[in-house]
Each structure stands twice: as structure tokens, then as C-alpha cells.
Amino acid sequence: MTDVHRKGKISWALAFLLIFLVAAFISLFVFWRLETWPLRNAQGASAELERLGRKARDAFIELAQLQPRVTIQNRVYFEQTSPVAELAVLSRQTEVDHEFMHTWAGSTKRIKLHGTFAVKAGFDLKKDLTVDVRENEIVVQLPHAKILTVEQQKVDVLEFENGFWNRISAAELEKEFAVLPKLAREKAAQSGLTTEAETTLQQQLQTRLGADHPVRLTFPPAINAKQ
């Protein structure tokens, strides 16, 4: 056998060996990718949930200067910081009228008032606030919204009539003025301001956290106590 034939056989042998090694490497790489795909997929999903958890925390810090308790797959990632007292979400101007009339011995006194108030609705954050980041949604638990403040803007005395011997006292006038903010609070609550506040907060959080994961607000069972 000539040297040329021997070199030819060696070259083909090396080529077949190289092809075999490349094929074996590709097969091992594909097998490794298939074997580790569930783990890599789970790690990617976990990283995404952690990112959403941080965004939820940042959203509440921006809205209420408060870090909520954040859980991801039943694991606590952030504990709640010392909460501020309240988070006001909506403010609405509310106008009310009130009339007082009293007759004694045929003498009548009368007061008619008109008040304008700024009524704010929101949440009491002294109570527990938790954010649970799940694969398909973000669940926020907090107390129901309530009327937080009723701020007087203007009060007009529409009528002020004294009876001939039945006079309006300073105490009576003060008492009737004090009725106006109570009426404004009741009117705002009956108008659905607190429900609107809950919807507004849900929309604000959804905007900050993105549309991929729906935000759902939940509320703890009511306790028999006056609001």
C-alpha cells in the first residue's frame, strides 16, 4: 500500500471521527436543553413574579408612602412597614341644605343653612395590607374604602328669623352648623363615593403594574364595629 493510500484512509477516518464527535455534541446539547427546560422555565416565571412583586411594592410606596406585605407563591418577600394613617383616593365637592324651625307659644324661629364641603374617600392603612403575587393575577387585600375627611369650604346662612319672644341662641346656631358636615358625609356615602374609591385604586394599581396580570382587590370579612 502506497503512502498516498494510507494518508487517504487516515484523512477519512479523522473526518468520520470529527463528524461523530460533532453529532454527539449536538445530541448532548439538545438533550441538556430539553432536560433543563422545565427548570429554566420555572426560574423565568419566578423572576417575573418577583419583578411584579417589586412593582407592586413600589406602587404603594408611590401612592401611600407605605410598603405592603408582599407574598409570592406563599413566600413573604417584603414585610409591611409602619403604615401612614390613611390613603385618600378621591375628593368630591358636596353641597347640603339644612333647616331648623321651632315654635313656642305661637312664636317661631327659623334657620336655613347651605354648606359646601370637600369630602375625601380612601382607605385606613393602619390595618393589614397584603399583596399576593400569583401566576395569573395580583390579589390585594385591604379594608373597604370609607369617608376619611369632610372639609368645610363655605357655609351660607339663607334664612335667620327670630320669633318675637322665641329667640335663636348661640348654642342653637352652633348646633345647627355642626349638622352640616354630618349631612355631607351621609350624602357622599349614599352617592357611592366609597365604591368609586375602590374602583379608582384598582385602576391606579393596574396602570402601574401593567395589563398582563389583572389586579383584584379583596376585603376582609366585616367586623361588628362602628366605622
Protein backbone atom coordinates (compact mmCIF):
# COMPACT_ATOMS: atom_id res chain seq x y z
CA MET A 1 0.00 0.00 0.00
CA THR A 2 1.43 3.35 -1.02
CA ASP A 3 1.86 6.32 1.31
CA VAL A 4 -0.86 8.18 -0.62
CA HIS A 5 -3.43 5.44 0.09
CA ARG A 6 -2.51 5.30 3.77
CA LYS A 7 -2.84 9.09 4.14
CA GLY A 8 -6.19 8.98 2.36
CA LYS A 9 -7.53 6.35 4.74
CA ILE A 10 -6.30 8.32 7.77
CA SER A 11 -7.95 11.53 6.49
CA TRP A 12 -11.31 9.77 6.01
CA ALA A 13 -11.03 8.20 9.47
CA LEU A 14 -10.37 11.60 11.05
CA ALA A 15 -13.27 13.11 9.12
CA PHE A 16 -15.68 10.38 10.28
CA LEU A 17 -14.42 10.79 13.87
CA LEU A 18 -14.93 14.56 13.72
CA ILE A 19 -18.44 14.14 12.30
CA PHE A 20 -19.27 11.62 15.02
CA LEU A 21 -17.98 13.94 17.76
CA VAL A 22 -19.94 16.93 16.40
CA ALA A 23 -23.12 14.85 16.14
CA ALA A 24 -22.62 13.53 19.67
CA PHE A 25 -22.07 17.08 20.99
CA ILE A 26 -25.21 18.36 19.27
CA SER A 27 -27.22 15.43 20.60
CA LEU A 28 -25.96 16.02 24.15
CA PHE A 29 -26.67 19.76 23.89
CA VAL A 30 -30.25 19.19 22.66
CA PHE A 31 -30.81 16.59 25.38
CA TRP A 32 -29.49 19.00 28.04
CA ARG A 33 -31.74 21.80 26.78
CA LEU A 34 -34.77 19.53 26.86
CA GLU A 35 -33.93 18.21 30.31
CA THR A 36 -33.35 21.66 31.83
CA TRP A 37 -36.25 23.41 30.05
CA PRO A 38 -38.75 22.94 32.92
CA LEU A 39 -36.24 24.31 35.43
CA ARG A 40 -35.31 27.25 33.23
CA ASN A 41 -38.97 27.96 32.53
CA ALA A 42 -39.78 27.86 36.25
CA GLN A 43 -36.86 30.15 37.04
CA GLY A 44 -38.03 32.59 34.37
CA ALA A 45 -41.58 32.57 35.74
CA SER A 46 -40.29 33.06 39.28
CA ALA A 47 -38.16 36.01 38.19
CA GLU A 48 -41.19 37.58 36.51
CA LEU A 49 -43.30 37.18 39.66
CA GLU A 50 -40.53 38.74 41.75
CA ARG A 51 -40.41 41.67 39.32
CA LEU A 52 -44.17 42.14 39.70
CA GLY A 53 -43.82 41.94 43.48
CA ARG A 54 -41.28 44.76 43.43
CA LYS A 55 -43.51 46.83 41.15
CA ALA A 56 -46.47 46.31 43.49
CA ARG A 57 -44.37 47.40 46.46
CA ASP A 58 -43.14 50.47 44.57
CA ALA A 59 -46.70 51.36 43.53
CA PHE A 60 -47.89 51.52 47.15
CA ILE A 61 -44.79 53.44 48.20
CA GLU A 62 -45.59 55.97 45.48
CA LEU A 63 -49.29 56.18 46.34
CA ALA A 64 -49.21 55.98 50.12
CA GLN A 65 -45.56 56.11 51.28
CA LEU A 66 -46.13 52.58 52.56
CA GLN A 67 -44.53 49.20 51.83
CA PRO A 68 -47.20 46.49 51.95
CA ARG A 69 -46.67 42.87 52.92
CA VAL A 70 -45.87 41.14 49.61
CA THR A 71 -46.07 37.36 49.17
CA ILE A 72 -45.06 35.40 46.08
CA GLN A 73 -46.12 31.75 45.86
CA ASN A 74 -46.80 31.69 49.62
CA ARG A 75 -43.36 33.10 50.39
CA VAL A 76 -43.01 36.51 52.07
CA TYR A 77 -40.74 38.81 50.07
CA PHE A 78 -41.47 42.13 51.80
CA GLU A 79 -42.93 42.86 55.21
CA GLN A 80 -45.29 45.79 55.80
CA THR A 81 -43.61 48.91 57.10
CA SER A 82 -45.17 51.19 59.70
CA PRO A 83 -48.22 52.46 57.87
CA VAL A 84 -49.40 56.01 57.41
CA ALA A 85 -52.85 56.60 58.81
CA GLU A 86 -54.84 56.97 55.60
CA LEU A 87 -54.71 56.93 51.81
CA ALA A 88 -57.11 59.42 50.20
CA VAL A 89 -58.06 58.37 46.67
CA LEU A 90 -61.00 60.61 45.70
CA SER A 91 -62.23 64.06 46.65
CA ARG A 92 -65.70 65.33 45.72
CA GLN A 93 -67.44 68.63 46.35
CA THR A 94 -70.72 68.02 48.14
CA GLU A 95 -73.44 70.56 48.85
CA VAL A 96 -76.12 70.13 51.51
CA ASP A 97 -79.03 72.13 52.92
CA HIS A 98 -80.35 72.13 56.45
CA GLU A 99 -83.30 73.88 58.02
CA PHE A 100 -84.22 74.30 61.68
CA MET A 101 -87.57 75.66 62.83
CA HIS A 102 -89.06 75.85 66.32
CA THR A 103 -92.36 77.30 67.52
CA TRP A 104 -93.15 78.15 71.11
CA ALA A 105 -96.27 79.91 72.30
CA GLY A 106 -97.06 80.99 68.76
CA SER A 107 -93.60 82.46 68.21
CA THR A 108 -91.45 80.77 65.54
CA LYS A 109 -87.70 80.93 64.99
CA ARG A 110 -86.07 79.58 61.85
CA ILE A 111 -82.60 78.91 60.48
CA LYS A 112 -81.81 77.73 56.95
CA LEU A 113 -78.23 76.86 56.02
CA HIS A 114 -76.41 75.81 52.85
CA GLY A 115 -73.00 74.19 53.12
CA THR A 116 -70.29 73.23 50.61
CA PHE A 117 -67.77 70.58 51.64
CA ALA A 118 -64.82 68.71 50.13
CA VAL A 119 -65.40 65.05 51.00
CA LYS A 120 -62.43 62.68 50.67
CA ALA A 121 -62.76 58.91 50.40
CA GLY A 122 -59.98 56.36 50.75
CA PHE A 123 -58.51 53.65 52.93
CA ASP A 124 -57.43 53.19 56.54
CA LEU A 125 -53.95 51.73 56.19
CA LYS A 126 -53.36 51.23 59.90
CA LYS A 127 -54.89 47.81 59.28
CA ASP A 128 -53.19 44.97 57.41
CA LEU A 129 -52.40 45.49 53.74
CA THR A 130 -51.13 42.48 51.79
CA VAL A 131 -50.21 41.89 48.15
CA ASP A 132 -50.22 38.29 46.89
CA VAL A 133 -48.49 37.89 43.51
CA ARG A 134 -49.81 34.81 41.71
CA GLU A 135 -49.12 33.36 38.27
CA ASN A 136 -52.37 34.65 36.77
CA GLU A 137 -53.28 37.66 38.95
CA ILE A 138 -52.23 40.02 41.72
CA VAL A 139 -54.51 39.95 44.78
CA VAL A 140 -54.50 42.98 47.07
CA GLN A 141 -56.24 42.66 50.43
CA LEU A 142 -57.09 45.80 52.39
CA PRO A 143 -60.04 47.28 54.32
CA HIS A 144 -63.05 48.62 52.44
CA ALA A 145 -62.86 52.28 51.45
CA LYS A 146 -64.59 54.78 53.72
CA ILE A 147 -65.17 58.51 54.07
CA LEU A 148 -61.95 59.91 55.52
CA THR A 149 -62.49 63.64 55.88
CA VAL A 150 -65.22 66.24 55.40
CA GLU A 151 -63.66 69.69 54.96
CA GLN A 152 -65.84 72.78 55.09
CA GLN A 153 -65.39 75.14 52.16
CA LYS A 154 -68.31 77.52 52.56
CA VAL A 155 -71.47 77.90 54.65
CA ASP A 156 -74.24 80.31 53.72
CA VAL A 157 -76.99 81.40 56.09
CA LEU A 158 -80.00 81.57 53.80
CA GLU A 159 -82.53 82.44 56.50
CA PHE A 160 -82.18 83.64 60.06
CA GLU A 161 -85.51 84.54 61.66
CA ASN A 162 -86.14 85.16 65.34
CA GLY A 163 -89.55 84.83 66.89
CA PHE A 164 -90.91 87.75 68.85
CA TRP A 165 -90.11 86.06 72.17
CA ASN A 166 -88.62 82.83 70.81
CA ARG A 167 -85.05 83.88 70.05
CA ILE A 168 -82.22 81.90 68.41
CA SER A 169 -79.42 81.26 70.88
CA ALA A 170 -75.71 80.98 70.07
CA ALA A 171 -75.76 77.35 71.23
CA GLU A 172 -78.61 76.53 68.85
CA LEU A 173 -76.81 78.17 65.94
CA GLU A 174 -73.62 76.25 66.71
CA LYS A 175 -75.57 73.00 66.94
CA GLU A 176 -77.22 73.53 63.54
CA PHE A 177 -73.87 74.38 61.92
CA ALA A 178 -72.48 71.10 63.27
CA VAL A 179 -75.22 69.15 61.46
CA LEU A 180 -73.94 70.17 58.00
CA PRO A 181 -70.72 68.05 57.86
CA LYS A 182 -72.68 65.03 59.07
CA LEU A 183 -75.18 65.51 56.24
CA ALA A 184 -72.31 65.91 53.73
CA ARG A 185 -70.72 62.68 54.93
CA GLU A 186 -74.01 60.78 54.64
CA LYS A 187 -74.75 62.20 51.19
CA ALA A 188 -71.29 61.30 49.86
CA ALA A 189 -71.55 57.75 51.23
CA GLN A 190 -75.01 57.28 49.71
CA SER A 191 -73.75 58.54 46.34
CA GLY A 192 -71.33 55.58 46.11
CA LEU A 193 -68.15 57.57 46.70
CA THR A 194 -66.50 54.75 48.68
CA THR A 195 -67.24 52.17 45.97
CA GLU A 196 -65.83 54.57 43.40
CA ALA A 197 -62.71 54.95 45.53
CA GLU A 198 -62.15 51.18 45.48
CA THR A 199 -62.53 51.10 41.70
CA THR A 200 -60.15 54.05 41.33
CA LEU A 201 -57.45 52.38 43.42
CA GLN A 202 -57.79 49.15 41.43
CA GLN A 203 -57.37 51.12 38.18
CA GLN A 204 -54.36 53.04 39.52
CA LEU A 205 -52.63 49.82 40.54
CA GLN A 206 -53.48 48.14 37.22
CA THR A 207 -51.95 51.06 35.33
CA ARG A 208 -48.74 50.87 37.35
CA LEU A 209 -48.41 47.07 37.22
CA GLY A 210 -49.38 46.54 33.59
CA ALA A 211 -52.23 44.73 31.84
CA ASP A 212 -50.60 41.27 31.72
CA HIS A 213 -51.55 40.44 35.31
CA PRO A 214 -55.05 41.52 36.43
CA VAL A 215 -55.22 43.28 39.80
CA ARG A 216 -58.05 42.16 42.11
CA LEU A 217 -58.96 43.87 45.37
CA THR A 218 -60.28 41.73 48.21
CA PHE A 219 -61.61 42.80 51.57
CA PRO A 220 -61.55 41.01 54.92
CA PRO A 221 -64.89 39.99 56.47
CA ALA A 222 -66.71 42.84 58.17
CA ILE A 223 -66.32 43.09 61.93
CA ASN A 224 -69.19 44.23 64.10
CA ALA A 225 -67.77 47.61 64.89
CA LYS A 226 -68.74 51.12 64.02
CA GLN A 227 -66.78 52.66 61.19
